[in-house]
Amino acid sequence: MILSMDEIINSICLHMAERKGVQPTDVVVELSWDEDTGYTAEVHVQGRSQYLVEANMIEAILRYLHSEYNIRAYREQVRLDLDEEITAIVQV
């Protein structure tokens, strides 16, 4: 199963909205990849910005897989990949 960049962003929006007690539409996410830091997500909620590292992004993806697809996956089953855009490859 492959999650698109939009689905990764949605998973982070839902995850952060739940953690911060806001609506998912109040969360803005920008994904990036850098040779030094790897995959990161810059998250803006209520005027504050926060960076998530790959492990946090995968946690959000795992919760999204469970809530949206009823799939219980483990961290080892999710790998982020960069081609034309960032995607998540899930071994189910």
PDB file of N, CA and C in Angstrom:
ATOM      1  N   MET A   1       0.850  -1.167   0.000  1.00  0.00           N
ATOM      2  CA  MET A   1       0.000   0.000   0.000  1.00  0.00           C
ATOM      3  C   MET A   1       0.897   1.232   0.000  1.00  0.00           C
ATOM      4  N   ILE A   2       0.528   2.221  -0.806  1.00  0.00           N
ATOM      5  CA  ILE A   2       1.297   3.466  -0.866  1.00  0.00           C
ATOM      6  C   ILE A   2       0.381   4.630  -0.505  1.00  0.00           C
ATOM      7  N   LEU A   3       0.808   5.425   0.467  1.00  0.00           N
ATOM      8  CA  LEU A   3       0.079   6.639   0.830  1.00  0.00           C
ATOM      9  C   LEU A   3       0.720   7.815   0.107  1.00  0.00           C
ATOM     10  N   SER A   4      -0.106   8.633  -0.498  1.00  0.00           N
ATOM     11  CA  SER A   4       0.379   9.812  -1.216  1.00  0.00           C
ATOM     12  C   SER A   4       0.833  10.884  -0.227  1.00  0.00           C
ATOM     13  N   MET A   5       1.477  11.902  -0.762  1.00  0.00           N
ATOM     14  CA  MET A   5       1.902  13.020   0.068  1.00  0.00           C
ATOM     15  C   MET A   5       0.696  13.691   0.725  1.00  0.00           C
ATOM     16  N   ASP A   6      -0.415  13.801  -0.006  1.00  0.00           N
ATOM     17  CA  ASP A   6      -1.625  14.399   0.569  1.00  0.00           C
ATOM     18  C   ASP A   6      -2.129  13.590   1.760  1.00  0.00           C
ATOM     19  N   GLU A   7      -2.070  12.265   1.657  1.00  0.00           N
ATOM     20  CA  GLU A   7      -2.521  11.432   2.774  1.00  0.00           C
ATOM     21  C   GLU A   7      -1.575  11.541   3.966  1.00  0.00           C
ATOM     22  N   ILE A   8      -0.287  11.681   3.707  1.00  0.00           N
ATOM     23  CA  ILE A   8       0.665  11.884   4.804  1.00  0.00           C
ATOM     24  C   ILE A   8       0.357  13.205   5.506  1.00  0.00           C
ATOM     25  N   ILE A   9       0.115  14.244   4.729  1.00  0.00           N
ATOM     26  CA  ILE A   9      -0.235  15.548   5.305  1.00  0.00           C
ATOM     27  C   ILE A   9      -1.530  15.437   6.105  1.00  0.00           C
ATOM     28  N   ASN A  10      -2.531  14.754   5.553  1.00  0.00           N
ATOM     29  CA  ASN A  10      -3.792  14.562   6.279  1.00  0.00           C
ATOM     30  C   ASN A  10      -3.562  13.824   7.591  1.00  0.00           C
ATOM     31  N   SER A  11      -2.716  12.805   7.564  1.00  0.00           N
ATOM     32  CA  SER A  11      -2.464  12.041   8.789  1.00  0.00           C
ATOM     33  C   SER A  11      -1.833  12.926   9.860  1.00  0.00           C
ATOM     34  N   ILE A  12      -0.912  13.795   9.459  1.00  0.00           N
ATOM     35  CA  ILE A  12      -0.263  14.689  10.419  1.00  0.00           C
ATOM     36  C   ILE A  12      -1.248  15.742  10.915  1.00  0.00           C
ATOM     37  N   CYS A  13      -2.086  16.263  10.027  1.00  0.00           N
ATOM     38  CA  CYS A  13      -3.104  17.242  10.439  1.00  0.00           C
ATOM     39  C   CYS A  13      -4.047  16.639  11.474  1.00  0.00           C
ATOM     40  N   LEU A  14      -4.537  15.437  11.222  1.00  0.00           N
ATOM     41  CA  LEU A  14      -5.446  14.774  12.163  1.00  0.00           C
ATOM     42  C   LEU A  14      -4.755  14.502  13.493  1.00  0.00           C
ATOM     43  N   HIS A  15      -3.536  14.018  13.437  1.00  0.00           N
ATOM     44  CA  HIS A  15      -2.770  13.689  14.639  1.00  0.00           C
ATOM     45  C   HIS A  15      -2.511  14.934  15.488  1.00  0.00           C
ATOM     46  N   MET A  16      -2.033  15.992  14.861  1.00  0.00           N
ATOM     47  CA  MET A  16      -1.719  17.213  15.608  1.00  0.00           C
ATOM     48  C   MET A  16      -2.980  17.906  16.113  1.00  0.00           C
ATOM     49  N   ALA A  17      -4.052  17.865  15.334  1.00  0.00           N
ATOM     50  CA  ALA A  17      -5.312  18.468  15.774  1.00  0.00           C
ATOM     51  C   ALA A  17      -5.808  17.784  17.042  1.00  0.00           C
ATOM     52  N   GLU A  18      -5.719  16.469  17.071  1.00  0.00           N
ATOM     53  CA  GLU A  18      -6.146  15.731  18.259  1.00  0.00           C
ATOM     54  C   GLU A  18      -5.265  16.061  19.454  1.00  0.00           C
ATOM     55  N   ARG A  19      -3.967  16.138  19.237  1.00  0.00           N
ATOM     56  CA  ARG A  19      -3.034  16.429  20.333  1.00  0.00           C
ATOM     57  C   ARG A  19      -3.186  17.854  20.865  1.00  0.00           C
ATOM     58  N   LYS A  20      -3.487  18.806  19.973  1.00  0.00           N
ATOM     59  CA  LYS A  20      -3.562  20.214  20.374  1.00  0.00           C
ATOM     60  C   LYS A  20      -4.987  20.669  20.682  1.00  0.00           C
ATOM     61  N   GLY A  21      -5.987  19.811  20.422  1.00  0.00           N
ATOM     62  CA  GLY A  21      -7.372  20.170  20.712  1.00  0.00           C
ATOM     63  C   GLY A  21      -7.944  21.204  19.759  1.00  0.00           C
ATOM     64  N   VAL A  22      -7.554  21.129  18.491  1.00  0.00           N
ATOM     65  CA  VAL A  22      -8.065  22.055  17.473  1.00  0.00           C
ATOM     66  C   VAL A  22      -8.665  21.242  16.326  1.00  0.00           C
ATOM     67  N   GLN A  23      -9.249  21.929  15.367  1.00  0.00           N
ATOM     68  CA  GLN A  23      -9.786  21.270  14.179  1.00  0.00           C
ATOM     69  C   GLN A  23      -8.637  20.952  13.213  1.00  0.00           C
ATOM     70  N   PRO A  24      -8.743  19.849  12.473  1.00  0.00           N
ATOM     71  CA  PRO A  24      -7.696  19.522  11.495  1.00  0.00           C
ATOM     72  C   PRO A  24      -7.473  20.632  10.466  1.00  0.00           C
ATOM     73  N   THR A  25      -8.515  21.396  10.168  1.00  0.00           N
ATOM     74  CA  THR A  25      -8.378  22.492   9.202  1.00  0.00           C
ATOM     75  C   THR A  25      -7.561  23.656   9.765  1.00  0.00           C
ATOM     76  N   ASP A  26      -7.313  23.661  11.079  1.00  0.00           N
ATOM     77  CA  ASP A  26      -6.501  24.703  11.709  1.00  0.00           C
ATOM     78  C   ASP A  26      -5.011  24.360  11.706  1.00  0.00           C
ATOM     79  N   VAL A  27      -4.664  23.208  11.138  1.00  0.00           N
ATOM     80  CA  VAL A  27      -3.282  22.736  11.120  1.00  0.00           C
ATOM     81  C   VAL A  27      -2.737  22.843   9.695  1.00  0.00           C
ATOM     82  N   VAL A  28      -1.554  23.438   9.566  1.00  0.00           N
ATOM     83  CA  VAL A  28      -0.887  23.557   8.265  1.00  0.00           C
ATOM     84  C   VAL A  28       0.411  22.754   8.339  1.00  0.00           C
ATOM     85  N   VAL A  29       0.632  21.919   7.325  1.00  0.00           N
ATOM     86  CA  VAL A  29       1.798  21.030   7.324  1.00  0.00           C
ATOM     87  C   VAL A  29       2.581  21.195   6.030  1.00  0.00           C
ATOM     88  N   GLU A  30       3.903  21.262   6.160  1.00  0.00           N
ATOM     89  CA  GLU A  30       4.783  21.274   4.991  1.00  0.00           C
ATOM     90  C   GLU A  30       5.828  20.179   5.180  1.00  0.00           C
ATOM     91  N   LEU A  31       5.873  19.247   4.236  1.00  0.00           N
ATOM     92  CA  LEU A  31       6.828  18.144   4.303  1.00  0.00           C
ATOM     93  C   LEU A  31       8.115  18.513   3.586  1.00  0.00           C
ATOM     94  N   SER A  32       9.222  17.973   4.079  1.00  0.00           N
ATOM     95  CA  SER A  32      10.488  18.207   3.382  1.00  0.00           C
ATOM     96  C   SER A  32      11.448  17.055   3.645  1.00  0.00           C
ATOM     97  N   TRP A  33      12.480  17.008   2.817  1.00  0.00           N
ATOM     98  CA  TRP A  33      13.559  16.045   2.988  1.00  0.00           C
ATOM     99  C   TRP A  33      14.864  16.788   2.814  1.00  0.00           C
ATOM    100  N   ASP A  34      15.792  16.506   3.710  1.00  0.00           N
ATOM    101  CA  ASP A  34      17.100  17.135   3.669  1.00  0.00           C
ATOM    102  C   ASP A  34      18.148  16.057   3.923  1.00  0.00           C
ATOM    103  N   GLU A  35      19.275  16.187   3.268  1.00  0.00           N
ATOM    104  CA  GLU A  35      20.330  15.185   3.409  1.00  0.00           C
ATOM    105  C   GLU A  35      20.805  15.051   4.851  1.00  0.00           C
ATOM    106  N   ASP A  36      20.806  16.146   5.593  1.00  0.00           N
ATOM    107  CA  ASP A  36      21.289  16.120   6.976  1.00  0.00           C
ATOM    108  C   ASP A  36      20.235  15.644   7.970  1.00  0.00           C
ATOM    109  N   THR A  37      18.991  16.108   7.796  1.00  0.00           N
ATOM    110  CA  THR A  37      17.945  15.818   8.786  1.00  0.00           C
ATOM    111  C   THR A  37      16.983  14.723   8.364  1.00  0.00           C
ATOM    112  N   GLY A  38      16.999  14.330   7.114  1.00  0.00           N
ATOM    113  CA  GLY A  38      16.061  13.307   6.637  1.00  0.00           C
ATOM    114  C   GLY A  38      14.681  13.902   6.407  1.00  0.00           C
ATOM    115  N   TYR A  39      13.651  13.094   6.642  1.00  0.00           N
ATOM    116  CA  TYR A  39      12.271  13.543   6.444  1.00  0.00           C
ATOM    117  C   TYR A  39      11.811  14.330   7.658  1.00  0.00           C
ATOM    118  N   THR A  40      11.212  15.495   7.407  1.00  0.00           N
ATOM    119  CA  THR A  40      10.651  16.307   8.482  1.00  0.00           C
ATOM    120  C   THR A  40       9.335  16.911   8.022  1.00  0.00           C
ATOM    121  N   ALA A  41       8.561  17.342   9.005  1.00  0.00           N
ATOM    122  CA  ALA A  41       7.320  18.052   8.723  1.00  0.00           C
ATOM    123  C   ALA A  41       7.311  19.310   9.577  1.00  0.00           C
ATOM    124  N   GLU A  42       7.098  20.445   8.939  1.00  0.00           N
ATOM    125  CA  GLU A  42       6.936  21.692   9.677  1.00  0.00           C
ATOM    126  C   GLU A  42       5.442  21.888   9.865  1.00  0.00           C
ATOM    127  N   VAL A  43       5.017  21.977  11.117  1.00  0.00           N
ATOM    128  CA  VAL A  43       3.601  22.045  11.455  1.00  0.00           C
ATOM    129  C   VAL A  43       3.308  23.392  12.095  1.00  0.00           C
ATOM    130  N   HIS A  44       2.267  24.064  11.598  1.00  0.00           N
ATOM    131  CA  HIS A  44       1.824  25.337  12.170  1.00  0.00           C
ATOM    132  C   HIS A  44       0.439  25.147  12.773  1.00  0.00           C
ATOM    133  N   VAL A  45       0.328  25.444  14.081  1.00  0.00           N
ATOM    134  CA  VAL A  45      -0.943  25.348  14.793  1.00  0.00           C
ATOM    135  C   VAL A  45      -1.076  26.585  15.665  1.00  0.00           C
ATOM    136  N   GLN A  46      -2.149  27.330  15.469  1.00  0.00           N
ATOM    137  CA  GLN A  46      -2.443  28.511  16.284  1.00  0.00           C
ATOM    138  C   GLN A  46      -1.249  29.459  16.378  1.00  0.00           C
ATOM    139  N   GLY A  47      -0.629  29.736  15.257  1.00  0.00           N
ATOM    140  CA  GLY A  47       0.458  30.699  15.213  1.00  0.00           C
ATOM    141  C   GLY A  47       1.806  30.184  15.689  1.00  0.00           C
ATOM    142  N   ARG A  48       1.872  28.940  16.087  1.00  0.00           N
ATOM    143  CA  ARG A  48       3.138  28.366  16.539  1.00  0.00           C
ATOM    144  C   ARG A  48       3.599  27.313  15.550  1.00  0.00           C
ATOM    145  N   SER A  49       4.905  27.221  15.375  1.00  0.00           N
ATOM    146  CA  SER A  49       5.426  26.196  14.472  1.00  0.00           C
ATOM    147  C   SER A  49       6.199  25.153  15.270  1.00  0.00           C
ATOM    148  N   GLN A  50       6.181  23.954  14.738  1.00  0.00           N
ATOM    149  CA  GLN A  50       6.837  22.826  15.381  1.00  0.00           C
ATOM    150  C   GLN A  50       7.363  21.918  14.276  1.00  0.00           C
ATOM    151  N   TYR A  51       8.513  21.318  14.507  1.00  0.00           N
ATOM    152  CA  TYR A  51       9.074  20.370  13.544  1.00  0.00           C
ATOM    153  C   TYR A  51       8.874  18.952  14.052  1.00  0.00           C
ATOM    154  N   LEU A  52       8.412  18.086  13.172  1.00  0.00           N
ATOM    155  CA  LEU A  52       8.302  16.670  13.490  1.00  0.00           C
ATOM    156  C   LEU A  52       9.385  15.924  12.722  1.00  0.00           C
ATOM    157  N   VAL A  53      10.035  14.999  13.390  1.00  0.00           N
ATOM    158  CA  VAL A  53      11.026  14.157  12.726  1.00  0.00           C
ATOM    159  C   VAL A  53      10.325  12.923  12.164  1.00  0.00           C
ATOM    160  N   GLU A  54      11.073  12.117  11.438  1.00  0.00           N
ATOM    161  CA  GLU A  54      10.493  10.963  10.749  1.00  0.00           C
ATOM    162  C   GLU A  54       9.713  10.040  11.690  1.00  0.00           C
ATOM    163  N   ALA A  55      10.225   9.792  12.886  1.00  0.00           N
ATOM    164  CA  ALA A  55       9.534   8.899  13.828  1.00  0.00           C
ATOM    165  C   ALA A  55       8.154   9.440  14.192  1.00  0.00           C
ATOM    166  N   ASN A  56       8.043  10.758  14.397  1.00  0.00           N
ATOM    167  CA  ASN A  56       6.750  11.369  14.704  1.00  0.00           C
ATOM    168  C   ASN A  56       5.809  11.291  13.515  1.00  0.00           C
ATOM    169  N   MET A  57       6.349  11.458  12.322  1.00  0.00           N
ATOM    170  CA  MET A  57       5.533  11.369  11.112  1.00  0.00           C
ATOM    171  C   MET A  57       4.974   9.954  10.954  1.00  0.00           C
ATOM    172  N   ILE A  58       5.805   8.960  11.216  1.00  0.00           N
ATOM    173  CA  ILE A  58       5.356   7.573  11.095  1.00  0.00           C
ATOM    174  C   ILE A  58       4.302   7.259  12.146  1.00  0.00           C
ATOM    175  N   GLU A  59       4.439   7.810  13.349  1.00  0.00           N
ATOM    176  CA  GLU A  59       3.412   7.633  14.382  1.00  0.00           C
ATOM    177  C   GLU A  59       2.064   8.156  13.888  1.00  0.00           C
ATOM    178  N   ALA A  60       2.060   9.329  13.270  1.00  0.00           N
ATOM    179  CA  ALA A  60       0.821   9.896  12.727  1.00  0.00           C
ATOM    180  C   ALA A  60       0.265   9.017  11.610  1.00  0.00           C
ATOM    181  N   ILE A  61       1.141   8.493  10.766  1.00  0.00           N
ATOM    182  CA  ILE A  61       0.708   7.618   9.668  1.00  0.00           C
ATOM    183  C   ILE A  61       0.086   6.340  10.221  1.00  0.00           C
ATOM    184  N   LEU A  62       0.679   5.760  11.261  1.00  0.00           N
ATOM    185  CA  LEU A  62       0.135   4.542  11.862  1.00  0.00           C
ATOM    186  C   LEU A  62      -1.267   4.780  12.414  1.00  0.00           C
ATOM    187  N   ARG A  63      -1.471   5.898  13.067  1.00  0.00           N
ATOM    188  CA  ARG A  63      -2.805   6.225  13.600  1.00  0.00           C
ATOM    189  C   ARG A  63      -3.796   6.441  12.473  1.00  0.00           C
ATOM    190  N   TYR A  64      -3.351   7.076  11.400  1.00  0.00           N
ATOM    191  CA  TYR A  64      -4.195   7.322  10.228  1.00  0.00           C
ATOM    192  C   TYR A  64      -4.594   6.001   9.572  1.00  0.00           C
ATOM    193  N   LEU A  65      -3.645   5.097   9.420  1.00  0.00           N
ATOM    194  CA  LEU A  65      -3.950   3.790   8.836  1.00  0.00           C
ATOM    195  C   LEU A  65      -5.019   3.071   9.645  1.00  0.00           C
ATOM    196  N   HIS A  66      -4.924   3.174  10.963  1.00  0.00           N
ATOM    197  CA  HIS A  66      -5.902   2.505  11.816  1.00  0.00           C
ATOM    198  C   HIS A  66      -7.268   3.177  11.743  1.00  0.00           C
ATOM    199  N   SER A  67      -7.304   4.500  11.810  1.00  0.00           N
ATOM    200  CA  SER A  67      -8.599   5.202  11.839  1.00  0.00           C
ATOM    201  C   SER A  67      -9.284   5.243  10.481  1.00  0.00           C
ATOM    202  N   GLU A  68      -8.529   5.378   9.404  1.00  0.00           N
ATOM    203  CA  GLU A  68      -9.134   5.541   8.077  1.00  0.00           C
ATOM    204  C   GLU A  68      -9.273   4.232   7.299  1.00  0.00           C
ATOM    205  N   TYR A  69      -8.357   3.304   7.512  1.00  0.00           N
ATOM    206  CA  TYR A  69      -8.354   2.053   6.736  1.00  0.00           C
ATOM    207  C   TYR A  69      -8.545   0.806   7.595  1.00  0.00           C
ATOM    208  N   ASN A  70      -8.650   1.004   8.914  1.00  0.00           N
ATOM    209  CA  ASN A  70      -8.783  -0.111   9.854  1.00  0.00           C
ATOM    210  C   ASN A  70      -7.622  -1.107   9.701  1.00  0.00           C
ATOM    211  N   ILE A  71      -6.430  -0.567   9.482  1.00  0.00           N
ATOM    212  CA  ILE A  71      -5.217  -1.379   9.343  1.00  0.00           C
ATOM    213  C   ILE A  71      -4.323  -1.109  10.546  1.00  0.00           C
ATOM    214  N   ARG A  72      -3.972  -2.169  11.243  1.00  0.00           N
ATOM    215  CA  ARG A  72      -3.012  -2.048  12.341  1.00  0.00           C
ATOM    216  C   ARG A  72      -1.639  -2.430  11.809  1.00  0.00           C
ATOM    217  N   ALA A  73      -0.797  -1.439  11.673  1.00  0.00           N
ATOM    218  CA  ALA A  73       0.555  -1.670  11.157  1.00  0.00           C
ATOM    219  C   ALA A  73       1.564  -1.321  12.248  1.00  0.00           C
ATOM    220  N   TYR A  74       2.768  -1.799  12.073  1.00  0.00           N
ATOM    221  CA  TYR A  74       3.866  -1.507  12.991  1.00  0.00           C
ATOM    222  C   TYR A  74       4.865  -0.583  12.305  1.00  0.00           C
ATOM    223  N   ARG A  75       5.647   0.110  13.126  1.00  0.00           N
ATOM    224  CA  ARG A  75       6.648   1.043  12.594  1.00  0.00           C
ATOM    225  C   ARG A  75       7.517   0.417  11.515  1.00  0.00           C
ATOM    226  N   GLU A  76       7.899  -0.818  11.736  1.00  0.00           N
ATOM    227  CA  GLU A  76       8.795  -1.501  10.803  1.00  0.00           C
ATOM    228  C   GLU A  76       8.155  -1.710   9.433  1.00  0.00           C
ATOM    229  N   GLN A  77       6.833  -1.597   9.363  1.00  0.00           N
ATOM    230  CA  GLN A  77       6.110  -1.822   8.111  1.00  0.00           C
ATOM    231  C   GLN A  77       5.944  -0.543   7.292  1.00  0.00           C
ATOM    232  N   VAL A  78       6.358   0.591   7.835  1.00  0.00           N
ATOM    233  CA  VAL A  78       6.174   1.878   7.152  1.00  0.00           C
ATOM    234  C   VAL A  78       7.542   2.457   6.797  1.00  0.00           C
ATOM    235  N   ARG A  79       7.678   2.837   5.537  1.00  0.00           N
ATOM    236  CA  ARG A  79       8.928   3.453   5.073  1.00  0.00           C
ATOM    237  C   ARG A  79       8.576   4.673   4.236  1.00  0.00           C
ATOM    238  N   LEU A  80       9.188   5.801   4.556  1.00  0.00           N
ATOM    239  CA  LEU A  80       8.998   7.001   3.749  1.00  0.00           C
ATOM    240  C   LEU A  80       9.927   6.933   2.549  1.00  0.00           C
ATOM    241  N   ASP A  81       9.448   7.448   1.423  1.00  0.00           N
ATOM    242  CA  ASP A  81      10.209   7.376   0.183  1.00  0.00           C
ATOM    243  C   ASP A  81      10.083   8.706  -0.549  1.00  0.00           C
ATOM    244  N   LEU A  82      11.114   9.070  -1.272  1.00  0.00           N
ATOM    245  CA  LEU A  82      11.107  10.315  -2.039  1.00  0.00           C
ATOM    246  C   LEU A  82      11.377  10.001  -3.494  1.00  0.00           C
ATOM    247  N   ASP A  83      10.396  10.309  -4.336  1.00  0.00           N
ATOM    248  CA  ASP A  83      10.574  10.199  -5.781  1.00  0.00           C
ATOM    249  C   ASP A  83      10.252  11.580  -6.326  1.00  0.00           C
ATOM    250  N   GLU A  84       9.107  11.761  -6.922  1.00  0.00           N
ATOM    251  CA  GLU A  84       8.678  13.108  -7.315  1.00  0.00           C
ATOM    252  C   GLU A  84       8.065  13.830  -6.123  1.00  0.00           C
ATOM    253  N   GLU A  85       7.506  13.058  -5.194  1.00  0.00           N
ATOM    254  CA  GLU A  85       6.973  13.604  -3.949  1.00  0.00           C
ATOM    255  C   GLU A  85       7.244  12.590  -2.851  1.00  0.00           C
ATOM    256  N   ILE A  86       7.026  13.006  -1.611  1.00  0.00           N
ATOM    257  CA  ILE A  86       7.224  12.103  -0.482  1.00  0.00           C
ATOM    258  C   ILE A  86       6.004  11.192  -0.385  1.00  0.00           C
ATOM    259  N   THR A  87       6.248   9.889  -0.295  1.00  0.00           N
ATOM    260  CA  THR A  87       5.177   8.915  -0.124  1.00  0.00           C
ATOM    261  C   THR A  87       5.536   8.000   1.041  1.00  0.00           C
ATOM    262  N   ALA A  88       4.537   7.269   1.518  1.00  0.00           N
ATOM    263  CA  ALA A  88       4.763   6.270   2.561  1.00  0.00           C
ATOM    264  C   ALA A  88       4.434   4.905   1.984  1.00  0.00           C
ATOM    265  N   ILE A  89       5.382   4.006   2.045  1.00  0.00           N
ATOM    266  CA  ILE A  89       5.173   2.645   1.575  1.00  0.00           C
ATOM    267  C   ILE A  89       4.888   1.784   2.803  1.00  0.00           C
ATOM    268  N   VAL A  90       3.719   1.142   2.793  1.00  0.00           N
ATOM    269  CA  VAL A  90       3.273   0.347   3.933  1.00  0.00           C
ATOM    270  C   VAL A  90       3.201  -1.115   3.509  1.00  0.00           C
ATOM    271  N   GLN A  91       3.921  -1.960   4.219  1.00  0.00           N
ATOM    272  CA  GLN A  91       3.869  -3.404   3.964  1.00  0.00           C
ATOM    273  C   GLN A  91       2.752  -3.992   4.817  1.00  0.00           C
ATOM    274  N   VAL A  92       1.649  -4.363   4.181  1.00  0.00           N
ATOM    275  CA  VAL A  92       0.518  -4.948   4.924  1.00  0.00           C
ATOM    276  C   VAL A  92       0.239  -6.354   4.461  1.00  0.00           C
TER     277      VAL A  92
END
